[in-house]
Amino acid sequence: MELTLDLLQKLVWMDFRLAVLFTVVLPLGLLLWAVIQNAQAITQLLIIYWRIASLLAITVYLMIAQWPVSYVSGFAALILIPLSLWFWVDLNEEVADRRDTLGLVFNSWRWGVTLYCILAALGQAVFLDCAFIPGAIRRTACQAWLQPPLMFKAMFHAQAKPGTLGFFAVVALVIYVLYLGYFVFIRLPKQGRSATGL
């Protein structure tokens, strides 16, 4: 089946809506529920999730500025999110031991967001050339991915200049990459797959 512009735009908007549901609304509700229930393992796993998923928010602002690196950061976020949810042996054991409603709902969401991220990453991988080919971001197919972030800007940052928002997004991206590098090369060798470091 040929991917027409109209179909691509529909798929992009569907992806945006699914991303809002799976990566913002549901995990926020789960975090509040876990805090109220004093479910420490789930709370800690969701805090780790939010640290990693912040790359999606950075990507939105990079796309508002129409900077090609946004296609790479968005793809990277879709890879890192499932890793952050399944990587920790100690937290996984504690979550697996829960047989209550919160544990069931959390695990259902975790599988759901993992499936969403895998499918979304496969779909977005086709458009990674938007980041690497000079001028490719002006192609119609690449521009389709910018429509939801530009609508977000119109709703929440109507008076802000795209370049200003992009600058703050780049600063956030640099901090994110530095922290991720610190974790991978310094903390991870010491603590392994234990989130508590014990």
N, C-alpha and C. Protein backbone atom coordinates (compact mmCIF):
# COMPACT_ATOMS: atom_id res chain seq x y z
N MET A 1 0.84 -1.19 0.00
CA MET A 1 0.00 0.00 0.00
C MET A 1 0.88 1.24 0.00
N GLU A 2 0.61 2.15 -0.90
CA GLU A 2 1.41 3.36 -1.01
C GLU A 2 1.04 4.33 0.11
N LEU A 3 2.06 4.93 0.71
CA LEU A 3 1.84 5.86 1.80
C LEU A 3 1.62 7.25 1.23
N THR A 4 0.36 7.65 1.14
CA THR A 4 0.04 8.98 0.63
C THR A 4 0.23 10.00 1.74
N LEU A 5 0.28 11.28 1.36
CA LEU A 5 0.45 12.34 2.35
C LEU A 5 -0.71 12.35 3.33
N ASP A 6 -1.92 12.16 2.82
CA ASP A 6 -3.10 12.16 3.69
C ASP A 6 -3.02 11.04 4.72
N LEU A 7 -2.62 9.85 4.27
CA LEU A 7 -2.50 8.72 5.19
C LEU A 7 -1.38 8.96 6.20
N LEU A 8 -0.26 9.52 5.73
CA LEU A 8 0.84 9.81 6.64
C LEU A 8 0.42 10.79 7.72
N GLN A 9 -0.29 11.84 7.35
CA GLN A 9 -0.76 12.82 8.34
C GLN A 9 -1.68 12.18 9.36
N LYS A 10 -2.56 11.28 8.89
CA LYS A 10 -3.45 10.58 9.83
C LYS A 10 -2.66 9.70 10.79
N LEU A 11 -1.64 9.02 10.26
CA LEU A 11 -0.80 8.16 11.11
C LEU A 11 -0.01 8.97 12.12
N VAL A 12 0.50 10.14 11.69
CA VAL A 12 1.26 11.01 12.59
C VAL A 12 0.37 11.50 13.73
N TRP A 13 -0.84 11.92 13.40
CA TRP A 13 -1.75 12.40 14.44
C TRP A 13 -2.19 11.27 15.36
N MET A 14 -2.38 10.07 14.81
CA MET A 14 -2.71 8.93 15.65
C MET A 14 -1.56 8.63 16.60
N ASP A 15 -0.32 8.69 16.09
CA ASP A 15 0.86 8.47 16.92
C ASP A 15 0.93 9.50 18.03
N PHE A 16 0.64 10.75 17.71
CA PHE A 16 0.69 11.82 18.70
C PHE A 16 -0.34 11.58 19.81
N ARG A 17 -1.55 11.18 19.42
CA ARG A 17 -2.60 10.92 20.42
C ARG A 17 -2.25 9.72 21.30
N LEU A 18 -1.72 8.66 20.66
CA LEU A 18 -1.30 7.49 21.44
C LEU A 18 -0.16 7.83 22.38
N ALA A 19 0.75 8.68 21.91
CA ALA A 19 1.88 9.09 22.76
C ALA A 19 1.38 9.85 23.98
N VAL A 20 0.43 10.75 23.79
CA VAL A 20 -0.13 11.50 24.92
C VAL A 20 -0.79 10.54 25.91
N LEU A 21 -1.54 9.57 25.39
CA LEU A 21 -2.23 8.61 26.26
C LEU A 21 -1.25 7.71 27.01
N PHE A 22 -0.36 7.04 26.25
CA PHE A 22 0.51 6.03 26.84
C PHE A 22 1.70 6.61 27.60
N THR A 23 2.21 7.77 27.18
CA THR A 23 3.45 8.27 27.80
C THR A 23 3.23 9.46 28.73
N VAL A 24 2.01 9.99 28.78
CA VAL A 24 1.76 11.13 29.67
C VAL A 24 0.60 10.85 30.62
N VAL A 25 -0.60 10.66 30.07
CA VAL A 25 -1.81 10.55 30.89
C VAL A 25 -1.77 9.32 31.80
N LEU A 26 -1.57 8.14 31.22
CA LEU A 26 -1.59 6.90 32.02
C LEU A 26 -0.47 6.84 33.06
N PRO A 27 0.79 7.13 32.69
CA PRO A 27 1.83 7.05 33.72
C PRO A 27 1.69 8.10 34.81
N LEU A 28 1.11 9.26 34.47
CA LEU A 28 0.87 10.27 35.51
C LEU A 28 -0.17 9.78 36.50
N GLY A 29 -1.26 9.20 35.98
CA GLY A 29 -2.28 8.62 36.86
C GLY A 29 -1.73 7.49 37.69
N LEU A 30 -0.90 6.64 37.09
CA LEU A 30 -0.30 5.52 37.82
C LEU A 30 0.64 6.01 38.91
N LEU A 31 1.40 7.07 38.63
CA LEU A 31 2.31 7.60 39.64
C LEU A 31 1.53 8.12 40.85
N LEU A 32 0.46 8.85 40.61
CA LEU A 32 -0.37 9.35 41.71
C LEU A 32 -0.95 8.18 42.52
N TRP A 33 -1.44 7.18 41.81
CA TRP A 33 -2.02 5.99 42.46
C TRP A 33 -0.95 5.28 43.29
N ALA A 34 0.24 5.11 42.73
CA ALA A 34 1.32 4.40 43.44
C ALA A 34 1.75 5.16 44.68
N VAL A 35 1.81 6.49 44.59
CA VAL A 35 2.19 7.30 45.76
C VAL A 35 1.14 7.17 46.86
N ILE A 36 -0.14 7.23 46.47
CA ILE A 36 -1.23 7.11 47.45
C ILE A 36 -1.20 5.73 48.11
N GLN A 37 -0.91 4.68 47.32
CA GLN A 37 -0.87 3.31 47.84
C GLN A 37 0.45 2.97 48.53
N ASN A 38 1.40 3.91 48.51
CA ASN A 38 2.73 3.70 49.07
C ASN A 38 3.41 2.47 48.46
N ALA A 39 3.23 2.33 47.13
CA ALA A 39 3.85 1.23 46.39
C ALA A 39 5.23 1.71 45.94
N GLN A 40 6.23 1.46 46.77
CA GLN A 40 7.55 2.06 46.56
C GLN A 40 8.23 1.60 45.28
N ALA A 41 8.14 0.33 44.95
CA ALA A 41 8.82 -0.18 43.74
C ALA A 41 8.21 0.44 42.49
N ILE A 42 6.89 0.49 42.43
CA ILE A 42 6.21 1.07 41.27
C ILE A 42 6.49 2.56 41.20
N THR A 43 6.45 3.22 42.35
CA THR A 43 6.75 4.66 42.38
C THR A 43 8.16 4.92 41.87
N GLN A 44 9.12 4.15 42.34
CA GLN A 44 10.51 4.35 41.91
C GLN A 44 10.68 4.07 40.41
N LEU A 45 10.00 3.04 39.93
CA LEU A 45 10.08 2.70 38.50
C LEU A 45 9.46 3.82 37.65
N LEU A 46 8.37 4.40 38.13
CA LEU A 46 7.73 5.49 37.39
C LEU A 46 8.55 6.77 37.45
N ILE A 47 9.26 7.01 38.54
CA ILE A 47 10.14 8.18 38.60
C ILE A 47 11.28 8.01 37.59
N ILE A 48 11.84 6.80 37.53
CA ILE A 48 12.86 6.52 36.51
C ILE A 48 12.28 6.73 35.12
N TYR A 49 11.05 6.22 34.92
CA TYR A 49 10.38 6.39 33.63
C TYR A 49 10.27 7.87 33.25
N TRP A 50 9.82 8.71 34.18
CA TRP A 50 9.63 10.13 33.88
C TRP A 50 10.95 10.82 33.55
N ARG A 51 12.02 10.39 34.19
CA ARG A 51 13.33 10.97 33.85
C ARG A 51 13.68 10.66 32.40
N ILE A 52 13.46 9.41 32.00
CA ILE A 52 13.77 9.01 30.63
C ILE A 52 12.80 9.63 29.64
N ALA A 53 11.51 9.59 29.97
CA ALA A 53 10.48 10.08 29.04
C ALA A 53 10.53 11.59 28.85
N SER A 54 11.25 12.30 29.69
CA SER A 54 11.38 13.75 29.50
C SER A 54 12.00 14.07 28.14
N LEU A 55 12.69 13.09 27.55
CA LEU A 55 13.26 13.29 26.21
C LEU A 55 12.16 13.52 25.18
N LEU A 56 10.97 12.96 25.40
CA LEU A 56 9.85 13.21 24.49
C LEU A 56 9.42 14.67 24.54
N ALA A 57 9.39 15.25 25.74
CA ALA A 57 9.04 16.66 25.87
C ALA A 57 10.09 17.54 25.20
N ILE A 58 11.35 17.20 25.39
CA ILE A 58 12.44 17.94 24.73
C ILE A 58 12.26 17.86 23.21
N THR A 59 11.89 16.68 22.72
CA THR A 59 11.69 16.48 21.28
C THR A 59 10.59 17.38 20.73
N VAL A 60 9.51 17.52 21.48
CA VAL A 60 8.41 18.38 21.04
C VAL A 60 8.90 19.81 20.81
N TYR A 61 9.71 20.32 21.74
CA TYR A 61 10.20 21.70 21.60
C TYR A 61 11.26 21.82 20.51
N LEU A 62 12.04 20.78 20.30
CA LEU A 62 12.98 20.79 19.17
C LEU A 62 12.23 20.79 17.84
N MET A 63 11.11 20.08 17.81
CA MET A 63 10.31 20.05 16.58
C MET A 63 9.61 21.39 16.34
N ILE A 64 9.24 22.07 17.40
CA ILE A 64 8.65 23.40 17.25
C ILE A 64 9.64 24.32 16.55
N ALA A 65 10.90 24.19 16.92
CA ALA A 65 11.96 25.00 16.28
C ALA A 65 12.37 24.44 14.92
N GLN A 66 11.82 23.27 14.56
CA GLN A 66 12.10 22.60 13.29
C GLN A 66 13.59 22.29 13.12
N TRP A 67 14.17 21.74 14.19
CA TRP A 67 15.57 21.35 14.16
C TRP A 67 15.67 19.85 13.88
N PRO A 68 16.45 19.46 12.90
CA PRO A 68 16.52 18.06 12.49
C PRO A 68 16.86 17.07 13.60
N VAL A 69 17.62 17.50 14.60
CA VAL A 69 18.00 16.59 15.68
C VAL A 69 16.78 16.03 16.40
N SER A 70 15.64 16.68 16.26
CA SER A 70 14.42 16.23 16.93
C SER A 70 13.99 14.84 16.47
N TYR A 71 14.25 14.50 15.22
CA TYR A 71 13.89 13.17 14.73
C TYR A 71 14.72 12.09 15.42
N VAL A 72 15.97 12.41 15.72
CA VAL A 72 16.85 11.46 16.42
C VAL A 72 16.45 11.35 17.89
N SER A 73 16.19 12.49 18.53
CA SER A 73 15.84 12.45 19.96
C SER A 73 14.51 11.74 20.17
N GLY A 74 13.55 11.94 19.27
CA GLY A 74 12.27 11.24 19.40
C GLY A 74 12.42 9.74 19.25
N PHE A 75 13.23 9.32 18.28
CA PHE A 75 13.50 7.90 18.07
C PHE A 75 14.23 7.31 19.28
N ALA A 76 15.22 8.04 19.79
CA ALA A 76 15.97 7.56 20.96
C ALA A 76 15.06 7.39 22.17
N ALA A 77 14.13 8.31 22.36
CA ALA A 77 13.20 8.21 23.49
C ALA A 77 12.38 6.93 23.41
N LEU A 78 11.96 6.57 22.20
CA LEU A 78 11.15 5.36 22.02
C LEU A 78 11.94 4.09 22.31
N ILE A 79 13.25 4.15 22.17
CA ILE A 79 14.11 3.01 22.51
C ILE A 79 14.39 2.97 24.01
N LEU A 80 14.64 4.15 24.59
CA LEU A 80 15.03 4.22 26.01
C LEU A 80 13.88 3.94 26.97
N ILE A 81 12.66 4.31 26.58
CA ILE A 81 11.52 4.14 27.50
C ILE A 81 11.30 2.67 27.87
N PRO A 82 11.17 1.75 26.91
CA PRO A 82 11.01 0.34 27.33
C PRO A 82 12.19 -0.19 28.13
N LEU A 83 13.41 0.23 27.75
CA LEU A 83 14.58 -0.20 28.52
C LEU A 83 14.47 0.23 29.97
N SER A 84 14.01 1.47 30.20
CA SER A 84 13.92 1.98 31.57
C SER A 84 12.88 1.24 32.38
N LEU A 85 11.88 0.68 31.72
CA LEU A 85 10.79 0.00 32.44
C LEU A 85 11.08 -1.47 32.75
N TRP A 86 12.02 -2.07 32.03
CA TRP A 86 12.28 -3.50 32.21
C TRP A 86 13.69 -3.82 32.68
N PHE A 87 14.54 -2.82 32.80
CA PHE A 87 15.97 -3.03 33.04
C PHE A 87 16.28 -3.47 34.47
N TRP A 88 15.53 -2.98 35.45
CA TRP A 88 15.90 -3.10 36.86
C TRP A 88 15.43 -4.41 37.47
N VAL A 89 16.36 -5.29 37.79
CA VAL A 89 16.04 -6.62 38.30
C VAL A 89 15.31 -6.53 39.64
N ASP A 90 15.82 -5.71 40.56
CA ASP A 90 15.20 -5.64 41.89
C ASP A 90 13.78 -5.10 41.84
N LEU A 91 13.56 -4.05 41.05
CA LEU A 91 12.22 -3.48 40.96
C LEU A 91 11.27 -4.43 40.23
N ASN A 92 11.77 -5.11 39.21
CA ASN A 92 10.93 -6.07 38.48
C ASN A 92 10.45 -7.18 39.40
N GLU A 93 11.32 -7.65 40.29
CA GLU A 93 10.94 -8.72 41.22
C GLU A 93 9.85 -8.24 42.18
N GLU A 94 10.03 -7.01 42.70
CA GLU A 94 9.03 -6.47 43.63
C GLU A 94 7.69 -6.26 42.94
N VAL A 95 7.72 -5.75 41.70
CA VAL A 95 6.48 -5.51 40.97
C VAL A 95 5.81 -6.85 40.64
N ALA A 96 6.60 -7.85 40.28
CA ALA A 96 6.04 -9.17 39.94
C ALA A 96 5.36 -9.82 41.13
N ASP A 97 5.82 -9.49 42.34
CA ASP A 97 5.23 -10.07 43.55
C ASP A 97 3.88 -9.45 43.89
N ARG A 98 3.55 -8.32 43.29
CA ARG A 98 2.28 -7.66 43.60
C ARG A 98 1.15 -8.37 42.86
N ARG A 99 0.11 -8.69 43.59
CA ARG A 99 -1.05 -9.36 42.99
C ARG A 99 -2.30 -8.49 43.11
N ASP A 100 -2.13 -7.24 43.47
CA ASP A 100 -3.28 -6.36 43.64
C ASP A 100 -3.63 -5.66 42.33
N THR A 101 -4.66 -4.82 42.37
CA THR A 101 -5.14 -4.13 41.17
C THR A 101 -4.08 -3.20 40.61
N LEU A 102 -3.40 -2.47 41.49
CA LEU A 102 -2.36 -1.54 41.03
C LEU A 102 -1.26 -2.28 40.26
N GLY A 103 -0.82 -3.41 40.80
CA GLY A 103 0.21 -4.19 40.12
C GLY A 103 -0.25 -4.67 38.76
N LEU A 104 -1.51 -5.13 38.67
CA LEU A 104 -2.06 -5.60 37.40
C LEU A 104 -2.15 -4.47 36.38
N VAL A 105 -2.67 -3.32 36.83
CA VAL A 105 -2.82 -2.17 35.92
C VAL A 105 -1.45 -1.66 35.49
N PHE A 106 -0.51 -1.59 36.43
CA PHE A 106 0.83 -1.11 36.09
C PHE A 106 1.49 -2.01 35.06
N ASN A 107 1.42 -3.33 35.27
CA ASN A 107 2.03 -4.25 34.32
C ASN A 107 1.33 -4.22 32.96
N SER A 108 0.02 -4.03 32.95
CA SER A 108 -0.71 -3.89 31.68
C SER A 108 -0.22 -2.65 30.94
N TRP A 109 -0.08 -1.53 31.67
CA TRP A 109 0.42 -0.31 31.03
C TRP A 109 1.86 -0.51 30.55
N ARG A 110 2.67 -1.18 31.36
CA ARG A 110 4.08 -1.38 30.99
C ARG A 110 4.19 -2.17 29.69
N TRP A 111 3.40 -3.22 29.54
CA TRP A 111 3.40 -3.98 28.29
C TRP A 111 2.84 -3.14 27.15
N GLY A 112 1.79 -2.37 27.45
CA GLY A 112 1.17 -1.53 26.42
C GLY A 112 2.10 -0.47 25.89
N VAL A 113 2.79 0.23 26.81
CA VAL A 113 3.69 1.30 26.37
C VAL A 113 4.92 0.71 25.67
N THR A 114 5.33 -0.48 26.07
CA THR A 114 6.44 -1.14 25.39
C THR A 114 6.07 -1.47 23.95
N LEU A 115 4.88 -2.04 23.76
CA LEU A 115 4.41 -2.35 22.41
C LEU A 115 4.27 -1.08 21.58
N TYR A 116 3.69 -0.03 22.19
CA TYR A 116 3.55 1.24 21.47
C TYR A 116 4.91 1.77 21.04
N CYS A 117 5.88 1.77 21.95
CA CYS A 117 7.21 2.31 21.64
C CYS A 117 7.89 1.52 20.52
N ILE A 118 7.76 0.19 20.54
CA ILE A 118 8.37 -0.62 19.49
C ILE A 118 7.77 -0.30 18.13
N LEU A 119 6.43 -0.26 18.07
CA LEU A 119 5.76 0.03 16.80
C LEU A 119 6.05 1.45 16.33
N ALA A 120 6.03 2.40 17.26
CA ALA A 120 6.31 3.80 16.90
C ALA A 120 7.75 3.97 16.43
N ALA A 121 8.68 3.28 17.08
CA ALA A 121 10.09 3.36 16.67
C ALA A 121 10.28 2.79 15.27
N LEU A 122 9.61 1.69 14.97
CA LEU A 122 9.69 1.10 13.63
C LEU A 122 9.14 2.07 12.59
N GLY A 123 8.03 2.72 12.93
CA GLY A 123 7.45 3.69 12.00
C GLY A 123 8.31 4.92 11.81
N GLN A 124 8.90 5.40 12.90
CA GLN A 124 9.70 6.62 12.81
C GLN A 124 11.09 6.38 12.24
N ALA A 125 11.56 5.15 12.29
CA ALA A 125 12.89 4.84 11.75
C ALA A 125 12.98 5.19 10.27
N VAL A 126 11.87 5.06 9.57
CA VAL A 126 11.83 5.36 8.14
C VAL A 126 12.12 6.84 7.88
N PHE A 127 11.85 7.69 8.87
CA PHE A 127 11.98 9.13 8.69
C PHE A 127 13.23 9.70 9.35
N LEU A 128 14.14 8.84 9.78
CA LEU A 128 15.37 9.33 10.39
C LEU A 128 16.24 10.13 9.40
N ASP A 129 16.04 9.86 8.11
CA ASP A 129 16.82 10.63 7.13
C ASP A 129 16.45 12.11 7.15
N CYS A 130 15.30 12.45 7.75
CA CYS A 130 14.93 13.87 7.92
C CYS A 130 15.98 14.60 8.75
N ALA A 131 16.70 13.86 9.59
CA ALA A 131 17.71 14.47 10.46
C ALA A 131 19.08 14.54 9.80
N PHE A 132 19.34 13.66 8.84
CA PHE A 132 20.71 13.51 8.35
C PHE A 132 20.96 14.04 6.94
N ILE A 133 19.92 14.16 6.15
CA ILE A 133 20.09 14.67 4.79
C ILE A 133 19.86 16.18 4.81
N PRO A 134 20.83 16.97 4.38
CA PRO A 134 20.67 18.43 4.40
C PRO A 134 19.42 18.86 3.62
N GLY A 135 18.60 19.67 4.28
CA GLY A 135 17.39 20.19 3.65
C GLY A 135 16.21 19.24 3.65
N ALA A 136 16.41 18.00 4.12
CA ALA A 136 15.33 17.01 4.08
C ALA A 136 14.15 17.41 4.96
N ILE A 137 14.41 18.17 6.01
CA ILE A 137 13.33 18.55 6.93
C ILE A 137 12.25 19.37 6.22
N ARG A 138 12.59 19.96 5.07
CA ARG A 138 11.60 20.74 4.32
C ARG A 138 10.72 19.86 3.44
N ARG A 139 11.06 18.56 3.34
CA ARG A 139 10.21 17.66 2.56
C ARG A 139 8.85 17.53 3.23
N THR A 140 7.85 17.30 2.41
CA THR A 140 6.47 17.21 2.91
C THR A 140 6.32 16.10 3.95
N ALA A 141 6.96 14.96 3.71
CA ALA A 141 6.85 13.83 4.65
C ALA A 141 7.48 14.18 6.00
N CYS A 142 8.60 14.89 5.98
CA CYS A 142 9.24 15.30 7.24
C CYS A 142 8.42 16.36 7.95
N GLN A 143 7.83 17.27 7.19
CA GLN A 143 7.01 18.33 7.77
C GLN A 143 5.77 17.79 8.47
N ALA A 144 5.28 16.63 7.99
CA ALA A 144 4.08 16.04 8.59
C ALA A 144 4.28 15.77 10.08
N TRP A 145 5.52 15.39 10.47
CA TRP A 145 5.81 15.08 11.87
C TRP A 145 5.84 16.34 12.75
N LEU A 146 5.95 17.50 12.12
CA LEU A 146 6.03 18.76 12.87
C LEU A 146 4.66 19.35 13.18
N GLN A 147 3.62 18.86 12.53
CA GLN A 147 2.29 19.45 12.70
C GLN A 147 1.77 19.37 14.14
N PRO A 148 1.81 18.19 14.82
CA PRO A 148 1.33 18.16 16.20
C PRO A 148 2.11 19.09 17.14
N PRO A 149 3.46 19.11 17.10
CA PRO A 149 4.18 20.05 17.96
C PRO A 149 3.85 21.51 17.66
N LEU A 150 3.63 21.84 16.39
CA LEU A 150 3.27 23.22 16.05
C LEU A 150 1.88 23.58 16.57
N MET A 151 0.96 22.60 16.58
CA MET A 151 -0.35 22.83 17.18
C MET A 151 -0.22 23.03 18.69
N PHE A 152 0.66 22.22 19.30
CA PHE A 152 0.93 22.37 20.74
C PHE A 152 1.45 23.78 21.04
N LYS A 153 2.35 24.28 20.19
CA LYS A 153 2.88 25.64 20.37
C LYS A 153 1.77 26.67 20.26
N ALA A 154 0.89 26.51 19.26
CA ALA A 154 -0.21 27.46 19.08
C ALA A 154 -1.13 27.49 20.29
N MET A 155 -1.28 26.34 20.96
CA MET A 155 -2.17 26.26 22.12
C MET A 155 -1.52 26.80 23.39
N PHE A 156 -0.23 26.54 23.60
CA PHE A 156 0.39 26.83 24.89
C PHE A 156 1.50 27.88 24.84
N HIS A 157 2.04 28.15 23.67
CA HIS A 157 3.15 29.11 23.56
C HIS A 157 2.96 30.03 22.35
N ALA A 158 1.75 30.54 22.19
CA ALA A 158 1.43 31.29 20.98
C ALA A 158 2.34 32.49 20.77
N GLN A 159 2.76 33.14 21.84
CA GLN A 159 3.57 34.35 21.72
C GLN A 159 5.07 34.09 21.67
N ALA A 160 5.47 32.87 21.97
CA ALA A 160 6.90 32.56 22.04
C ALA A 160 7.48 32.34 20.64
N LYS A 161 8.74 32.71 20.48
CA LYS A 161 9.43 32.49 19.21
C LYS A 161 9.93 31.04 19.17
N PRO A 162 9.75 30.37 18.04
CA PRO A 162 10.22 28.99 17.93
C PRO A 162 11.70 28.83 18.25
N GLY A 163 12.52 29.79 17.84
CA GLY A 163 13.95 29.71 18.10
C GLY A 163 14.27 29.75 19.58
N THR A 164 13.51 30.55 20.33
CA THR A 164 13.72 30.63 21.78
C THR A 164 13.38 29.30 22.44
N LEU A 165 12.23 28.74 22.05
CA LEU A 165 11.84 27.44 22.60
C LEU A 165 12.86 26.37 22.22
N GLY A 166 13.35 26.44 21.00
CA GLY A 166 14.35 25.49 20.54
C GLY A 166 15.65 25.61 21.31
N PHE A 167 16.04 26.85 21.64
CA PHE A 167 17.27 27.06 22.41
C PHE A 167 17.17 26.37 23.77
N PHE A 168 16.06 26.59 24.48
CA PHE A 168 15.89 25.96 25.79
C PHE A 168 15.83 24.44 25.66
N ALA A 169 15.25 23.96 24.55
CA ALA A 169 15.19 22.52 24.32
C ALA A 169 16.59 21.94 24.10
N VAL A 170 17.44 22.68 23.38
CA VAL A 170 18.82 22.21 23.16
C VAL A 170 19.59 22.18 24.48
N VAL A 171 19.41 23.19 25.31
CA VAL A 171 20.05 23.21 26.62
C VAL A 171 19.61 21.99 27.42
N ALA A 172 18.28 21.72 27.41
CA ALA A 172 17.75 20.55 28.12
C ALA A 172 18.31 19.26 27.54
N LEU A 173 18.46 19.21 26.21
CA LEU A 173 19.00 18.01 25.56
C LEU A 173 20.45 17.77 25.96
N VAL A 174 21.23 18.82 26.04
CA VAL A 174 22.63 18.70 26.45
C VAL A 174 22.72 18.16 27.88
N ILE A 175 21.90 18.71 28.78
CA ILE A 175 21.86 18.24 30.17
C ILE A 175 21.44 16.77 30.21
N TYR A 176 20.43 16.42 29.42
CA TYR A 176 19.93 15.05 29.36
C TYR A 176 21.04 14.08 28.92
N VAL A 177 21.73 14.44 27.85
CA VAL A 177 22.79 13.58 27.31
C VAL A 177 23.94 13.45 28.32
N LEU A 178 24.29 14.54 28.98
CA LEU A 178 25.36 14.49 29.98
C LEU A 178 24.97 13.58 31.14
N TYR A 179 23.72 13.70 31.61
CA TYR A 179 23.27 12.86 32.72
C TYR A 179 23.21 11.39 32.29
N LEU A 180 22.73 11.14 31.07
CA LEU A 180 22.66 9.77 30.56
C LEU A 180 24.07 9.18 30.43
N GLY A 181 25.00 9.98 29.95
CA GLY A 181 26.40 9.54 29.85
C GLY A 181 26.99 9.23 31.20
N TYR A 182 26.71 10.10 32.19
CA TYR A 182 27.18 9.87 33.56
C TYR A 182 26.63 8.55 34.10
N PHE A 183 25.32 8.32 33.84
CA PHE A 183 24.70 7.09 34.33
C PHE A 183 25.33 5.85 33.68
N VAL A 184 25.45 5.88 32.34
CA VAL A 184 25.92 4.70 31.61
C VAL A 184 27.38 4.38 31.93
N PHE A 185 28.21 5.41 32.02
CA PHE A 185 29.66 5.16 32.14
C PHE A 185 30.18 5.17 33.58
N ILE A 186 29.43 5.76 34.51
CA ILE A 186 29.92 5.85 35.88
C ILE A 186 29.03 5.06 36.85
N ARG A 187 27.74 5.37 36.87
CA ARG A 187 26.87 4.73 37.85
C ARG A 187 26.55 3.28 37.52
N LEU A 188 26.25 3.01 36.25
CA LEU A 188 25.83 1.66 35.86
C LEU A 188 26.87 0.60 36.14
N PRO A 189 28.17 0.84 35.86
CA PRO A 189 29.16 -0.20 36.19
C PRO A 189 29.23 -0.50 37.69
N LYS A 190 28.90 0.48 38.53
CA LYS A 190 28.97 0.27 39.98
C LYS A 190 27.73 -0.46 40.51
N GLN A 191 26.55 -0.05 40.05
CA GLN A 191 25.32 -0.59 40.64
C GLN A 191 24.68 -1.69 39.82
N GLY A 192 25.08 -1.87 38.58
CA GLY A 192 24.49 -2.93 37.76
C GLY A 192 23.02 -2.68 37.52
N ARG A 193 22.27 -3.75 37.48
CA ARG A 193 20.83 -3.66 37.18
C ARG A 193 19.98 -3.51 38.43
N SER A 194 20.58 -3.05 39.50
CA SER A 194 19.85 -2.79 40.73
C SER A 194 19.57 -1.29 40.84
N ALA A 195 18.29 -0.92 40.85
CA ALA A 195 17.92 0.49 40.94
C ALA A 195 18.29 1.08 42.28
N THR A 196 18.30 0.23 43.33
CA THR A 196 18.64 0.70 44.66
C THR A 196 20.14 0.71 44.90
N GLY A 197 20.87 0.04 44.02
CA GLY A 197 22.33 -0.01 44.15
C GLY A 197 22.82 -0.98 45.20
N LEU A 198 21.90 -1.80 45.68
CA LEU A 198 22.28 -2.76 46.74
C LEU A 198 22.66 -4.10 46.16
